[in-house]
N, C-alpha and C. Protein backbone atom coordinates (compact mmCIF):
# COMPACT_ATOMS: atom_id res chain seq x y z
N MET A 1 -12.24 17.86 -21.90
CA MET A 1 -12.84 18.74 -20.94
C MET A 1 -11.93 18.79 -19.70
N GLU A 2 -11.79 19.97 -19.13
CA GLU A 2 -11.01 20.15 -17.91
C GLU A 2 -11.92 20.69 -16.81
N ILE A 3 -11.77 20.12 -15.63
CA ILE A 3 -12.61 20.49 -14.49
C ILE A 3 -11.72 20.79 -13.30
N VAL A 4 -12.00 21.90 -12.62
CA VAL A 4 -11.38 22.18 -11.33
C VAL A 4 -12.43 21.81 -10.29
N ALA A 5 -12.16 20.77 -9.55
CA ALA A 5 -13.13 20.26 -8.57
C ALA A 5 -12.84 20.83 -7.19
N ASP A 6 -13.89 21.20 -6.51
CA ASP A 6 -13.72 21.66 -5.13
C ASP A 6 -14.05 20.51 -4.18
N SER A 7 -13.90 20.78 -2.91
CA SER A 7 -14.10 19.73 -1.91
C SER A 7 -15.53 19.21 -1.91
N ASN A 8 -16.50 20.05 -2.23
CA ASN A 8 -17.90 19.60 -2.25
C ASN A 8 -18.12 18.49 -3.27
N ILE A 9 -17.50 18.61 -4.42
CA ILE A 9 -17.62 17.58 -5.45
C ILE A 9 -16.99 16.28 -4.97
N LEU A 10 -15.79 16.39 -4.41
CA LEU A 10 -15.13 15.18 -3.92
C LEU A 10 -15.88 14.56 -2.75
N PHE A 11 -16.38 15.39 -1.85
CA PHE A 11 -17.15 14.86 -0.71
C PHE A 11 -18.39 14.13 -1.23
N SER A 12 -19.07 14.71 -2.19
CA SER A 12 -20.25 14.07 -2.77
C SER A 12 -19.88 12.72 -3.39
N ALA A 13 -18.78 12.69 -4.11
CA ALA A 13 -18.34 11.44 -4.72
C ALA A 13 -18.00 10.40 -3.65
N LEU A 14 -17.28 10.81 -2.63
CA LEU A 14 -16.86 9.87 -1.59
C LEU A 14 -18.04 9.37 -0.76
N ILE A 15 -19.01 10.22 -0.53
CA ILE A 15 -20.16 9.81 0.28
C ILE A 15 -21.11 8.93 -0.55
N SER A 16 -21.37 9.34 -1.78
CA SER A 16 -22.33 8.58 -2.59
C SER A 16 -21.74 7.28 -3.11
N GLY A 17 -20.46 7.32 -3.47
CA GLY A 17 -19.82 6.13 -4.03
C GLY A 17 -20.31 5.77 -5.41
N LYS A 18 -20.97 6.71 -6.07
CA LYS A 18 -21.52 6.43 -7.40
C LYS A 18 -20.41 6.34 -8.43
N SER A 19 -20.51 5.31 -9.25
CA SER A 19 -19.48 5.09 -10.27
C SER A 19 -19.49 6.17 -11.34
N VAL A 20 -20.55 6.95 -11.43
CA VAL A 20 -20.60 8.02 -12.42
C VAL A 20 -19.48 9.03 -12.17
N TYR A 21 -19.12 9.23 -10.91
CA TYR A 21 -18.00 10.13 -10.61
C TYR A 21 -16.70 9.60 -11.20
N LEU A 22 -16.47 8.30 -11.06
CA LEU A 22 -15.27 7.70 -11.66
C LEU A 22 -15.30 7.84 -13.17
N ASP A 23 -16.46 7.64 -13.77
CA ASP A 23 -16.59 7.77 -15.22
C ASP A 23 -16.26 9.19 -15.67
N ILE A 24 -16.80 10.18 -14.98
CA ILE A 24 -16.54 11.58 -15.32
C ILE A 24 -15.07 11.92 -15.12
N PHE A 25 -14.51 11.47 -14.01
CA PHE A 25 -13.11 11.76 -13.71
C PHE A 25 -12.18 11.08 -14.72
N ARG A 26 -12.59 9.96 -15.28
CA ARG A 26 -11.78 9.27 -16.29
C ARG A 26 -11.86 9.97 -17.64
N ILE A 27 -13.03 10.53 -17.96
CA ILE A 27 -13.23 11.19 -19.25
C ILE A 27 -12.59 12.58 -19.25
N ALA A 28 -12.80 13.32 -18.17
CA ALA A 28 -12.32 14.71 -18.08
C ALA A 28 -10.97 14.74 -17.37
N LYS A 29 -10.26 15.81 -17.57
CA LYS A 29 -9.04 16.07 -16.83
C LYS A 29 -9.46 16.85 -15.59
N VAL A 30 -9.34 16.24 -14.41
CA VAL A 30 -9.83 16.84 -13.17
C VAL A 30 -8.65 17.32 -12.33
N TYR A 31 -8.72 18.57 -11.90
CA TYR A 31 -7.69 19.18 -11.07
C TYR A 31 -8.27 19.51 -9.71
N VAL A 32 -7.46 19.32 -8.68
CA VAL A 32 -7.82 19.74 -7.33
C VAL A 32 -6.61 20.42 -6.70
N PRO A 33 -6.84 21.39 -5.81
CA PRO A 33 -5.71 22.03 -5.13
C PRO A 33 -5.15 21.11 -4.05
N ASP A 34 -3.90 21.28 -3.73
CA ASP A 34 -3.26 20.41 -2.75
C ASP A 34 -3.91 20.47 -1.37
N PHE A 35 -4.55 21.58 -1.04
CA PHE A 35 -5.16 21.67 0.29
C PHE A 35 -6.43 20.84 0.41
N ILE A 36 -6.83 20.19 -0.68
CA ILE A 36 -8.01 19.32 -0.63
C ILE A 36 -7.81 18.21 0.40
N PHE A 37 -6.56 17.78 0.57
CA PHE A 37 -6.28 16.71 1.53
C PHE A 37 -6.51 17.19 2.97
N LEU A 38 -6.23 18.45 3.24
CA LEU A 38 -6.52 19.00 4.56
C LEU A 38 -8.02 19.03 4.82
N GLU A 39 -8.78 19.38 3.80
CA GLU A 39 -10.23 19.42 3.95
C GLU A 39 -10.79 18.01 4.13
N ILE A 40 -10.27 17.06 3.38
CA ILE A 40 -10.73 15.67 3.52
C ILE A 40 -10.37 15.15 4.91
N GLU A 41 -9.16 15.45 5.35
CA GLU A 41 -8.75 15.02 6.69
C GLU A 41 -9.64 15.63 7.77
N LYS A 42 -9.98 16.89 7.59
CA LYS A 42 -10.81 17.59 8.57
C LYS A 42 -12.18 16.93 8.71
N TYR A 43 -12.73 16.46 7.60
CA TYR A 43 -14.08 15.87 7.60
C TYR A 43 -14.08 14.35 7.40
N GLU A 44 -12.92 13.73 7.58
CA GLU A 44 -12.77 12.30 7.31
C GLU A 44 -13.79 11.44 8.06
N LYS A 45 -13.95 11.67 9.34
CA LYS A 45 -14.87 10.85 10.13
C LYS A 45 -16.31 11.01 9.64
N ARG A 46 -16.68 12.22 9.31
CA ARG A 46 -18.04 12.48 8.83
C ARG A 46 -18.27 11.81 7.47
N ILE A 47 -17.26 11.88 6.60
CA ILE A 47 -17.37 11.25 5.27
C ILE A 47 -17.52 9.74 5.42
N ILE A 48 -16.67 9.14 6.25
CA ILE A 48 -16.71 7.68 6.44
C ILE A 48 -18.03 7.26 7.06
N LYS A 49 -18.54 8.07 7.99
CA LYS A 49 -19.81 7.74 8.63
C LYS A 49 -20.97 7.78 7.63
N LYS A 50 -20.92 8.73 6.69
CA LYS A 50 -22.02 8.91 5.75
C LYS A 50 -21.89 8.08 4.47
N THR A 51 -20.71 7.56 4.18
CA THR A 51 -20.51 6.89 2.90
C THR A 51 -21.38 5.65 2.76
N LYS A 52 -21.76 5.38 1.54
CA LYS A 52 -22.55 4.19 1.25
C LYS A 52 -21.64 3.02 0.85
N LEU A 53 -20.35 3.25 0.85
CA LEU A 53 -19.36 2.25 0.45
C LEU A 53 -18.62 1.70 1.67
N LYS A 54 -19.28 1.07 2.52
CA LYS A 54 -18.66 0.62 3.78
C LYS A 54 -17.47 -0.31 3.53
N ASN A 55 -17.62 -1.30 2.70
CA ASN A 55 -16.55 -2.30 2.51
C ASN A 55 -15.56 -1.93 1.41
N THR A 56 -15.97 -1.12 0.46
CA THR A 56 -15.10 -0.81 -0.68
C THR A 56 -14.66 0.65 -0.72
N PHE A 57 -14.80 1.34 0.40
CA PHE A 57 -14.48 2.77 0.45
C PHE A 57 -13.03 3.05 0.07
N ARG A 58 -12.10 2.30 0.63
CA ARG A 58 -10.67 2.55 0.34
C ARG A 58 -10.37 2.37 -1.15
N ASN A 59 -10.94 1.35 -1.75
CA ASN A 59 -10.72 1.12 -3.18
C ASN A 59 -11.29 2.27 -4.02
N PHE A 60 -12.46 2.75 -3.63
CA PHE A 60 -13.08 3.85 -4.36
C PHE A 60 -12.23 5.11 -4.25
N VAL A 61 -11.73 5.40 -3.05
CA VAL A 61 -10.87 6.57 -2.85
C VAL A 61 -9.62 6.45 -3.72
N ARG A 62 -9.01 5.28 -3.72
CA ARG A 62 -7.81 5.05 -4.55
C ARG A 62 -8.12 5.27 -6.02
N ASP A 63 -9.22 4.68 -6.49
CA ASP A 63 -9.59 4.81 -7.90
C ASP A 63 -9.90 6.26 -8.27
N LEU A 64 -10.57 6.96 -7.38
CA LEU A 64 -10.94 8.35 -7.63
C LEU A 64 -9.69 9.23 -7.74
N PHE A 65 -8.77 9.07 -6.80
CA PHE A 65 -7.58 9.92 -6.80
C PHE A 65 -6.55 9.50 -7.85
N THR A 66 -6.70 8.33 -8.41
CA THR A 66 -5.86 7.93 -9.53
C THR A 66 -6.18 8.79 -10.74
N GLU A 67 -7.41 9.26 -10.82
CA GLU A 67 -7.88 10.04 -11.97
C GLU A 67 -7.76 11.54 -11.77
N VAL A 68 -7.24 11.99 -10.65
CA VAL A 68 -7.18 13.42 -10.31
C VAL A 68 -5.75 13.93 -10.38
N THR A 69 -5.59 15.16 -10.86
CA THR A 69 -4.30 15.83 -10.83
C THR A 69 -4.31 16.83 -9.69
N VAL A 70 -3.40 16.67 -8.76
CA VAL A 70 -3.30 17.57 -7.61
C VAL A 70 -2.35 18.70 -7.98
N ILE A 71 -2.82 19.92 -7.81
CA ILE A 71 -2.03 21.11 -8.15
C ILE A 71 -1.51 21.75 -6.88
N PRO A 72 -0.20 21.85 -6.75
CA PRO A 72 0.34 22.56 -5.58
C PRO A 72 0.07 24.06 -5.73
N ILE A 73 -0.38 24.66 -4.67
CA ILE A 73 -0.71 26.08 -4.70
C ILE A 73 0.46 26.88 -4.15
N ASP A 74 0.85 27.91 -4.88
CA ASP A 74 1.89 28.83 -4.43
C ASP A 74 1.23 29.84 -3.50
N TYR A 75 1.33 29.59 -2.21
CA TYR A 75 0.61 30.38 -1.23
C TYR A 75 1.08 31.82 -1.16
N GLU A 76 2.34 32.07 -1.48
CA GLU A 76 2.81 33.45 -1.45
C GLU A 76 2.16 34.27 -2.55
N LEU A 77 2.03 33.69 -3.75
CA LEU A 77 1.40 34.42 -4.84
C LEU A 77 -0.09 34.62 -4.62
N THR A 78 -0.71 33.68 -3.97
CA THR A 78 -2.16 33.78 -3.78
C THR A 78 -2.54 34.62 -2.57
N PHE A 79 -1.58 34.95 -1.72
CA PHE A 79 -1.88 35.70 -0.50
C PHE A 79 -2.64 36.99 -0.80
N PHE A 80 -2.13 37.77 -1.73
CA PHE A 80 -2.76 39.05 -2.03
C PHE A 80 -4.12 38.86 -2.69
N PHE A 81 -4.23 37.85 -3.50
CA PHE A 81 -5.52 37.54 -4.11
C PHE A 81 -6.53 37.13 -3.04
N LEU A 82 -6.07 36.39 -2.04
CA LEU A 82 -6.96 35.96 -0.96
C LEU A 82 -7.49 37.13 -0.15
N ILE A 83 -6.66 38.14 0.00
CA ILE A 83 -7.12 39.34 0.70
C ILE A 83 -8.30 39.94 -0.08
N TRP A 84 -8.19 39.94 -1.39
CA TRP A 84 -9.26 40.46 -2.24
C TRP A 84 -10.50 39.57 -2.17
N CYS A 85 -10.29 38.26 -2.04
CA CYS A 85 -11.39 37.28 -1.99
C CYS A 85 -11.70 36.88 -0.55
N ILE A 86 -11.62 37.82 0.36
CA ILE A 86 -11.74 37.50 1.78
C ILE A 86 -13.06 36.82 2.12
N ARG A 87 -14.09 37.05 1.36
CA ARG A 87 -15.39 36.47 1.67
C ARG A 87 -15.38 34.95 1.54
N ASP A 88 -14.70 34.42 0.53
CA ASP A 88 -14.64 32.97 0.33
C ASP A 88 -13.27 32.60 -0.18
N GLN A 89 -12.35 32.35 0.72
CA GLN A 89 -10.96 32.13 0.36
C GLN A 89 -10.75 30.91 -0.52
N SER A 90 -11.39 29.79 -0.19
CA SER A 90 -11.15 28.59 -0.98
C SER A 90 -11.65 28.76 -2.40
N ALA A 91 -12.74 29.50 -2.59
CA ALA A 91 -13.24 29.74 -3.94
C ALA A 91 -12.21 30.52 -4.75
N GLY A 92 -11.51 31.44 -4.09
CA GLY A 92 -10.47 32.18 -4.76
C GLY A 92 -9.35 31.29 -5.27
N LEU A 93 -8.97 30.30 -4.48
CA LEU A 93 -7.92 29.37 -4.93
C LEU A 93 -8.39 28.51 -6.07
N TYR A 94 -9.65 28.10 -6.05
CA TYR A 94 -10.18 27.32 -7.17
C TYR A 94 -10.19 28.18 -8.43
N LEU A 95 -10.53 29.45 -8.29
CA LEU A 95 -10.55 30.35 -9.43
C LEU A 95 -9.15 30.50 -10.01
N ILE A 96 -8.16 30.65 -9.17
CA ILE A 96 -6.77 30.76 -9.64
C ILE A 96 -6.38 29.52 -10.43
N MET A 97 -6.75 28.35 -9.91
CA MET A 97 -6.42 27.11 -10.64
C MET A 97 -7.09 27.08 -11.99
N ALA A 98 -8.31 27.58 -12.10
CA ALA A 98 -9.04 27.56 -13.35
C ALA A 98 -8.40 28.47 -14.39
N LEU A 99 -7.74 29.53 -13.94
CA LEU A 99 -7.11 30.45 -14.86
C LEU A 99 -5.89 29.80 -15.44
């Protein structure tokens, strides 16, 4: 199974700290766009504040991203598609990755 994960899925995994996310990510081939790191950085303080993994958060993040394939996005090619998907730009990039 192949999954294109958006930031909401990763945020949920990071906040909940549930091992089921690690299990799913180990079983499936999970892809995320490279800009996911910008989104995580943007909400880093909020994620850390809400996480249930106070002492083991760093280990969980490491384990989670060990199972993820980061896809670099060719921003020039997606520019015109983004104009078409102006309502929700990030969803457009996830759609491109799924194709």
